[in-house]
Amino acid sequence: MLSNYLPILIFLIVAAALAAVLLVLGTGIGRYFSRFHRDPAKLSPYECGFDAFADARSKFDVRYYLVAIVFIVFDLEIAFLFPWAVALDKIGAVGLAAMAIFLVILVVGFIYEWKKGALDWD
């Protein structure tokens, strides 16, 4: 039984060794073989050829996150619809009713968010 896991173990060892080699070449030894060396002008921060207006770590508006969460929820809804549609002939009326309840709950949530103004960008 342990021999069934041997290919997986070999794969993990090769992947770890390759990752270590690439890390060493990219950060350590690789800088000596590079044609381009570090230059203060190349490493300086820039934005369209002039200094940045403000701090890059400024806060985003909460509405941005709300729209992102709504997108994720409805994206997951679609991810649930595909396997349901494939197996609809096997699950029958019970599966149809379960998906109808699921979709009604999501539509009610969407209407609630719409009425509360969570999707407005004013």
N, C-alpha and C. Protein backbone atom coordinates (compact mmCIF):
# COMPACT_ATOMS: atom_id res chain seq x y z
N MET A 1 0.82 -1.19 0.00
CA MET A 1 0.00 0.00 0.00
C MET A 1 0.87 1.26 0.00
N LEU A 2 1.98 1.21 0.68
CA LEU A 2 2.86 2.36 0.73
C LEU A 2 3.47 2.65 -0.64
N SER A 3 3.61 1.64 -1.46
CA SER A 3 4.20 1.84 -2.79
C SER A 3 3.27 2.64 -3.70
N ASN A 4 2.00 2.74 -3.37
CA ASN A 4 1.08 3.55 -4.16
C ASN A 4 1.39 5.04 -4.03
N TYR A 5 1.98 5.43 -2.92
CA TYR A 5 2.29 6.83 -2.67
C TYR A 5 3.69 7.22 -3.11
N LEU A 6 4.48 6.28 -3.61
CA LEU A 6 5.84 6.57 -4.02
C LEU A 6 5.91 7.59 -5.15
N PRO A 7 5.09 7.52 -6.20
CA PRO A 7 5.16 8.57 -7.24
C PRO A 7 4.85 9.97 -6.71
N ILE A 8 3.94 10.05 -5.77
CA ILE A 8 3.61 11.35 -5.18
C ILE A 8 4.80 11.88 -4.38
N LEU A 9 5.45 11.01 -3.64
CA LEU A 9 6.62 11.41 -2.86
C LEU A 9 7.75 11.86 -3.78
N ILE A 10 7.98 11.14 -4.86
CA ILE A 10 9.02 11.52 -5.82
C ILE A 10 8.68 12.88 -6.44
N PHE A 11 7.42 13.08 -6.80
CA PHE A 11 7.00 14.35 -7.37
C PHE A 11 7.23 15.50 -6.40
N LEU A 12 6.89 15.31 -5.13
CA LEU A 12 7.09 16.37 -4.13
C LEU A 12 8.57 16.67 -3.93
N ILE A 13 9.42 15.65 -3.93
CA ILE A 13 10.85 15.86 -3.76
C ILE A 13 11.42 16.63 -4.95
N VAL A 14 11.04 16.24 -6.16
CA VAL A 14 11.53 16.94 -7.35
C VAL A 14 11.03 18.39 -7.37
N ALA A 15 9.79 18.61 -7.00
CA ALA A 15 9.24 19.97 -6.98
C ALA A 15 9.96 20.83 -5.95
N ALA A 16 10.22 20.30 -4.77
CA ALA A 16 10.93 21.05 -3.74
C ALA A 16 12.36 21.35 -4.17
N ALA A 17 13.03 20.39 -4.80
CA ALA A 17 14.40 20.61 -5.26
C ALA A 17 14.43 21.67 -6.36
N LEU A 18 13.50 21.61 -7.30
CA LEU A 18 13.44 22.61 -8.36
C LEU A 18 13.16 24.00 -7.79
N ALA A 19 12.26 24.10 -6.83
CA ALA A 19 11.97 25.39 -6.21
C ALA A 19 13.20 25.94 -5.50
N ALA A 20 13.94 25.09 -4.80
CA ALA A 20 15.14 25.54 -4.11
C ALA A 20 16.21 26.01 -5.10
N VAL A 21 16.38 25.27 -6.19
CA VAL A 21 17.38 25.67 -7.20
C VAL A 21 17.00 27.00 -7.82
N LEU A 22 15.74 27.19 -8.15
CA LEU A 22 15.32 28.44 -8.76
C LEU A 22 15.44 29.61 -7.79
N LEU A 23 15.16 29.38 -6.51
CA LEU A 23 15.34 30.44 -5.52
C LEU A 23 16.79 30.84 -5.39
N VAL A 24 17.68 29.86 -5.34
CA VAL A 24 19.11 30.17 -5.21
C VAL A 24 19.60 30.91 -6.45
N LEU A 25 19.20 30.45 -7.63
CA LEU A 25 19.64 31.11 -8.86
C LEU A 25 19.07 32.52 -8.99
N GLY A 26 17.85 32.70 -8.55
CA GLY A 26 17.21 34.00 -8.71
C GLY A 26 17.68 35.04 -7.72
N THR A 27 18.02 34.65 -6.53
CA THR A 27 18.37 35.64 -5.50
C THR A 27 19.85 35.65 -5.16
N GLY A 28 20.48 34.52 -5.18
CA GLY A 28 21.87 34.45 -4.74
C GLY A 28 22.86 34.50 -5.88
N ILE A 29 23.10 33.39 -6.49
CA ILE A 29 24.12 33.26 -7.52
C ILE A 29 23.70 33.97 -8.80
N GLY A 30 22.41 34.06 -9.05
CA GLY A 30 21.92 34.61 -10.30
C GLY A 30 22.32 36.04 -10.56
N ARG A 31 22.56 36.84 -9.53
CA ARG A 31 22.92 38.24 -9.76
C ARG A 31 24.30 38.37 -10.39
N TYR A 32 25.16 37.39 -10.23
CA TYR A 32 26.49 37.45 -10.83
C TYR A 32 26.45 37.12 -12.32
N PHE A 33 25.44 36.38 -12.75
CA PHE A 33 25.32 36.01 -14.15
C PHE A 33 24.43 36.97 -14.93
N SER A 34 23.81 37.91 -14.25
CA SER A 34 22.90 38.82 -14.90
C SER A 34 23.65 39.87 -15.72
N ARG A 35 23.06 40.26 -16.86
CA ARG A 35 23.65 41.32 -17.66
C ARG A 35 23.35 42.68 -17.06
N PHE A 36 22.23 42.79 -16.36
CA PHE A 36 21.81 44.06 -15.78
C PHE A 36 22.05 44.02 -14.28
N HIS A 37 22.72 45.03 -13.79
CA HIS A 37 22.99 45.11 -12.36
C HIS A 37 22.06 46.12 -11.71
N ARG A 38 21.96 46.03 -10.41
CA ARG A 38 21.06 46.93 -9.69
C ARG A 38 21.57 48.37 -9.81
N ASP A 39 20.65 49.24 -10.10
CA ASP A 39 20.96 50.64 -10.28
C ASP A 39 19.98 51.44 -9.43
N PRO A 40 20.44 52.43 -8.67
CA PRO A 40 19.51 53.20 -7.83
C PRO A 40 18.39 53.86 -8.63
N ALA A 41 18.67 54.26 -9.85
CA ALA A 41 17.63 54.90 -10.67
C ALA A 41 16.55 53.89 -11.06
N LYS A 42 16.96 52.64 -11.32
CA LYS A 42 15.98 51.63 -11.69
C LYS A 42 15.16 51.17 -10.49
N LEU A 43 15.74 51.22 -9.32
CA LEU A 43 15.05 50.77 -8.11
C LEU A 43 14.20 51.85 -7.47
N SER A 44 14.29 53.09 -7.95
CA SER A 44 13.53 54.17 -7.33
C SER A 44 12.06 54.06 -7.73
N PRO A 45 11.16 54.44 -6.82
CA PRO A 45 9.73 54.38 -7.15
C PRO A 45 9.36 55.48 -8.13
N TYR A 46 8.49 55.16 -9.05
CA TYR A 46 8.02 56.15 -10.01
C TYR A 46 6.59 55.85 -10.37
N GLU A 47 5.94 56.87 -10.86
CA GLU A 47 4.56 56.72 -11.31
C GLU A 47 4.37 57.69 -12.47
N CYS A 48 4.35 57.18 -13.65
CA CYS A 48 4.15 57.98 -14.86
C CYS A 48 5.23 59.05 -15.04
N GLY A 49 6.43 58.80 -14.56
CA GLY A 49 7.54 59.72 -14.77
C GLY A 49 7.66 60.81 -13.73
N PHE A 50 6.79 60.85 -12.73
CA PHE A 50 6.91 61.87 -11.68
C PHE A 50 6.60 61.24 -10.34
N ASP A 51 6.88 61.95 -9.26
CA ASP A 51 6.69 61.42 -7.92
C ASP A 51 5.22 61.10 -7.66
N ALA A 52 5.01 60.14 -6.80
CA ALA A 52 3.65 59.71 -6.47
C ALA A 52 2.90 60.82 -5.73
N PHE A 53 1.59 60.88 -5.94
CA PHE A 53 0.77 61.90 -5.29
C PHE A 53 0.60 61.63 -3.80
N ALA A 54 0.34 60.38 -3.47
CA ALA A 54 0.04 60.04 -2.08
C ALA A 54 0.63 58.68 -1.77
N ASP A 55 0.38 58.25 -0.54
CA ASP A 55 0.88 56.96 -0.09
C ASP A 55 0.18 55.83 -0.84
N ALA A 56 0.92 54.84 -1.24
CA ALA A 56 0.34 53.71 -1.99
C ALA A 56 -0.54 52.84 -1.10
N ARG A 57 -0.42 52.97 0.20
CA ARG A 57 -1.21 52.16 1.12
C ARG A 57 -2.45 52.90 1.60
N SER A 58 -3.05 53.70 0.74
CA SER A 58 -4.25 54.43 1.13
C SER A 58 -5.44 53.48 1.23
N LYS A 59 -6.45 53.89 1.98
CA LYS A 59 -7.61 53.04 2.20
C LYS A 59 -8.56 53.12 1.01
N PHE A 60 -9.18 51.98 0.70
CA PHE A 60 -10.19 51.92 -0.34
C PHE A 60 -11.56 52.17 0.28
N ASP A 61 -12.48 52.60 -0.57
CA ASP A 61 -13.84 52.79 -0.11
C ASP A 61 -14.47 51.43 0.20
N VAL A 62 -15.32 51.38 1.20
CA VAL A 62 -15.95 50.13 1.62
C VAL A 62 -16.84 49.58 0.51
N ARG A 63 -17.41 50.44 -0.32
CA ARG A 63 -18.28 49.98 -1.39
C ARG A 63 -17.54 49.09 -2.38
N TYR A 64 -16.25 49.34 -2.55
CA TYR A 64 -15.45 48.48 -3.43
C TYR A 64 -15.47 47.05 -2.91
N TYR A 65 -15.28 46.88 -1.61
CA TYR A 65 -15.28 45.55 -1.02
C TYR A 65 -16.67 44.92 -1.06
N LEU A 66 -17.72 45.72 -0.89
CA LEU A 66 -19.08 45.18 -0.95
C LEU A 66 -19.39 44.64 -2.34
N VAL A 67 -19.00 45.36 -3.37
CA VAL A 67 -19.23 44.88 -4.72
C VAL A 67 -18.42 43.63 -4.99
N ALA A 68 -17.19 43.57 -4.46
CA ALA A 68 -16.36 42.38 -4.64
C ALA A 68 -16.99 41.17 -3.96
N ILE A 69 -17.54 41.35 -2.77
CA ILE A 69 -18.19 40.25 -2.06
C ILE A 69 -19.44 39.79 -2.81
N VAL A 70 -20.21 40.74 -3.33
CA VAL A 70 -21.40 40.38 -4.11
C VAL A 70 -21.00 39.60 -5.35
N PHE A 71 -19.92 40.02 -6.01
CA PHE A 71 -19.45 39.29 -7.19
C PHE A 71 -19.06 37.86 -6.82
N ILE A 72 -18.35 37.69 -5.71
CA ILE A 72 -17.93 36.35 -5.30
C ILE A 72 -19.15 35.48 -4.99
N VAL A 73 -20.15 36.04 -4.33
CA VAL A 73 -21.34 35.26 -4.00
C VAL A 73 -22.04 34.78 -5.26
N PHE A 74 -22.22 35.66 -6.23
CA PHE A 74 -22.92 35.26 -7.45
C PHE A 74 -22.04 34.40 -8.35
N ASP A 75 -20.74 34.55 -8.26
CA ASP A 75 -19.85 33.67 -8.99
C ASP A 75 -19.93 32.25 -8.43
N LEU A 76 -20.01 32.12 -7.12
CA LEU A 76 -20.19 30.81 -6.51
C LEU A 76 -21.55 30.22 -6.83
N GLU A 77 -22.53 31.07 -6.99
CA GLU A 77 -23.85 30.58 -7.39
C GLU A 77 -23.77 29.90 -8.75
N ILE A 78 -23.07 30.51 -9.67
CA ILE A 78 -22.90 29.90 -10.99
C ILE A 78 -22.12 28.60 -10.88
N ALA A 79 -21.13 28.56 -10.00
CA ALA A 79 -20.35 27.33 -9.82
C ALA A 79 -21.22 26.20 -9.28
N PHE A 80 -22.26 26.52 -8.50
CA PHE A 80 -23.18 25.49 -8.03
C PHE A 80 -24.20 25.09 -9.10
N LEU A 81 -24.49 25.99 -10.03
CA LEU A 81 -25.48 25.69 -11.05
C LEU A 81 -24.99 24.69 -12.09
N PHE A 82 -23.71 24.71 -12.43
CA PHE A 82 -23.20 23.81 -13.46
C PHE A 82 -23.33 22.34 -13.08
N PRO A 83 -22.83 21.89 -11.92
CA PRO A 83 -23.01 20.47 -11.61
C PRO A 83 -24.48 20.10 -11.41
N TRP A 84 -25.28 21.03 -10.92
CA TRP A 84 -26.71 20.76 -10.77
C TRP A 84 -27.35 20.53 -12.12
N ALA A 85 -27.00 21.34 -13.11
CA ALA A 85 -27.58 21.19 -14.44
C ALA A 85 -27.15 19.88 -15.09
N VAL A 86 -25.93 19.45 -14.83
CA VAL A 86 -25.45 18.19 -15.42
C VAL A 86 -26.18 17.00 -14.81
N ALA A 87 -26.44 17.05 -13.51
CA ALA A 87 -27.05 15.92 -12.81
C ALA A 87 -28.56 16.06 -12.63
N LEU A 88 -29.19 16.98 -13.34
CA LEU A 88 -30.61 17.24 -13.12
C LEU A 88 -31.48 16.03 -13.44
N ASP A 89 -31.13 15.26 -14.46
CA ASP A 89 -31.97 14.10 -14.79
C ASP A 89 -31.87 13.00 -13.73
N LYS A 90 -30.79 12.97 -12.96
CA LYS A 90 -30.64 11.95 -11.91
C LYS A 90 -31.25 12.37 -10.58
N ILE A 91 -31.23 13.67 -10.28
CA ILE A 91 -31.73 14.11 -8.97
C ILE A 91 -33.23 14.42 -8.99
N GLY A 92 -33.79 14.64 -10.16
CA GLY A 92 -35.24 14.76 -10.29
C GLY A 92 -35.84 16.00 -9.67
N ALA A 93 -37.08 15.83 -9.22
CA ALA A 93 -37.86 16.96 -8.70
C ALA A 93 -37.32 17.47 -7.37
N VAL A 94 -36.74 16.59 -6.58
CA VAL A 94 -36.17 17.02 -5.29
C VAL A 94 -35.00 17.98 -5.53
N GLY A 95 -34.14 17.64 -6.48
CA GLY A 95 -33.03 18.53 -6.82
C GLY A 95 -33.50 19.84 -7.41
N LEU A 96 -34.55 19.78 -8.22
CA LEU A 96 -35.12 21.00 -8.80
C LEU A 96 -35.68 21.90 -7.70
N ALA A 97 -36.37 21.32 -6.74
CA ALA A 97 -36.93 22.12 -5.64
C ALA A 97 -35.83 22.70 -4.77
N ALA A 98 -34.78 21.92 -4.50
CA ALA A 98 -33.67 22.42 -3.68
C ALA A 98 -32.98 23.59 -4.36
N MET A 99 -32.76 23.48 -5.68
CA MET A 99 -32.11 24.57 -6.39
C MET A 99 -33.02 25.78 -6.48
N ALA A 100 -34.32 25.56 -6.59
CA ALA A 100 -35.26 26.69 -6.61
C ALA A 100 -35.22 27.45 -5.30
N ILE A 101 -35.17 26.73 -4.18
CA ILE A 101 -35.06 27.38 -2.87
C ILE A 101 -33.75 28.15 -2.77
N PHE A 102 -32.66 27.54 -3.23
CA PHE A 102 -31.35 28.19 -3.21
C PHE A 102 -31.37 29.49 -4.02
N LEU A 103 -31.96 29.44 -5.23
CA LEU A 103 -32.01 30.62 -6.08
C LEU A 103 -32.93 31.70 -5.51
N VAL A 104 -34.02 31.30 -4.88
CA VAL A 104 -34.92 32.28 -4.27
C VAL A 104 -34.21 33.01 -3.14
N ILE A 105 -33.45 32.29 -2.33
CA ILE A 105 -32.70 32.93 -1.24
C ILE A 105 -31.68 33.92 -1.79
N LEU A 106 -30.99 33.53 -2.86
CA LEU A 106 -30.01 34.44 -3.45
C LEU A 106 -30.66 35.67 -4.09
N VAL A 107 -31.79 35.48 -4.73
CA VAL A 107 -32.48 36.62 -5.35
C VAL A 107 -33.00 37.56 -4.27
N VAL A 108 -33.52 37.04 -3.18
CA VAL A 108 -33.98 37.89 -2.08
C VAL A 108 -32.80 38.68 -1.50
N GLY A 109 -31.65 38.04 -1.35
CA GLY A 109 -30.46 38.75 -0.87
C GLY A 109 -30.01 39.82 -1.85
N PHE A 110 -30.08 39.54 -3.14
CA PHE A 110 -29.70 40.52 -4.15
C PHE A 110 -30.65 41.72 -4.13
N ILE A 111 -31.94 41.47 -4.01
CA ILE A 111 -32.91 42.57 -3.94
C ILE A 111 -32.68 43.40 -2.69
N TYR A 112 -32.37 42.75 -1.56
CA TYR A 112 -32.08 43.47 -0.32
C TYR A 112 -30.86 44.39 -0.50
N GLU A 113 -29.81 43.86 -1.10
CA GLU A 113 -28.62 44.69 -1.32
C GLU A 113 -28.92 45.84 -2.28
N TRP A 114 -29.71 45.58 -3.28
CA TRP A 114 -30.06 46.62 -4.24
C TRP A 114 -30.87 47.73 -3.56
N LYS A 115 -31.85 47.35 -2.72
CA LYS A 115 -32.68 48.34 -2.03
C LYS A 115 -31.87 49.14 -1.00
N LYS A 116 -30.87 48.50 -0.37
CA LYS A 116 -30.05 49.19 0.61
C LYS A 116 -29.04 50.14 -0.05
N GLY A 117 -28.84 50.00 -1.37
CA GLY A 117 -27.91 50.88 -2.08
C GLY A 117 -26.47 50.42 -2.03
N ALA A 118 -26.24 49.14 -1.76
CA ALA A 118 -24.88 48.63 -1.68
C ALA A 118 -24.23 48.56 -3.05
N LEU A 119 -25.00 48.61 -4.13
CA LEU A 119 -24.45 48.53 -5.47
C LEU A 119 -24.33 49.88 -6.15
N ASP A 120 -24.68 50.97 -5.46
CA ASP A 120 -24.59 52.32 -6.02
C ASP A 120 -23.20 52.87 -5.83
N TRP A 121 -22.71 53.61 -6.83
CA TRP A 121 -21.36 54.20 -6.77
C TRP A 121 -21.42 55.72 -6.65
N ASP A 122 -22.46 56.28 -6.11
CA ASP A 122 -22.61 57.74 -6.02
C ASP A 122 -21.51 58.36 -5.21
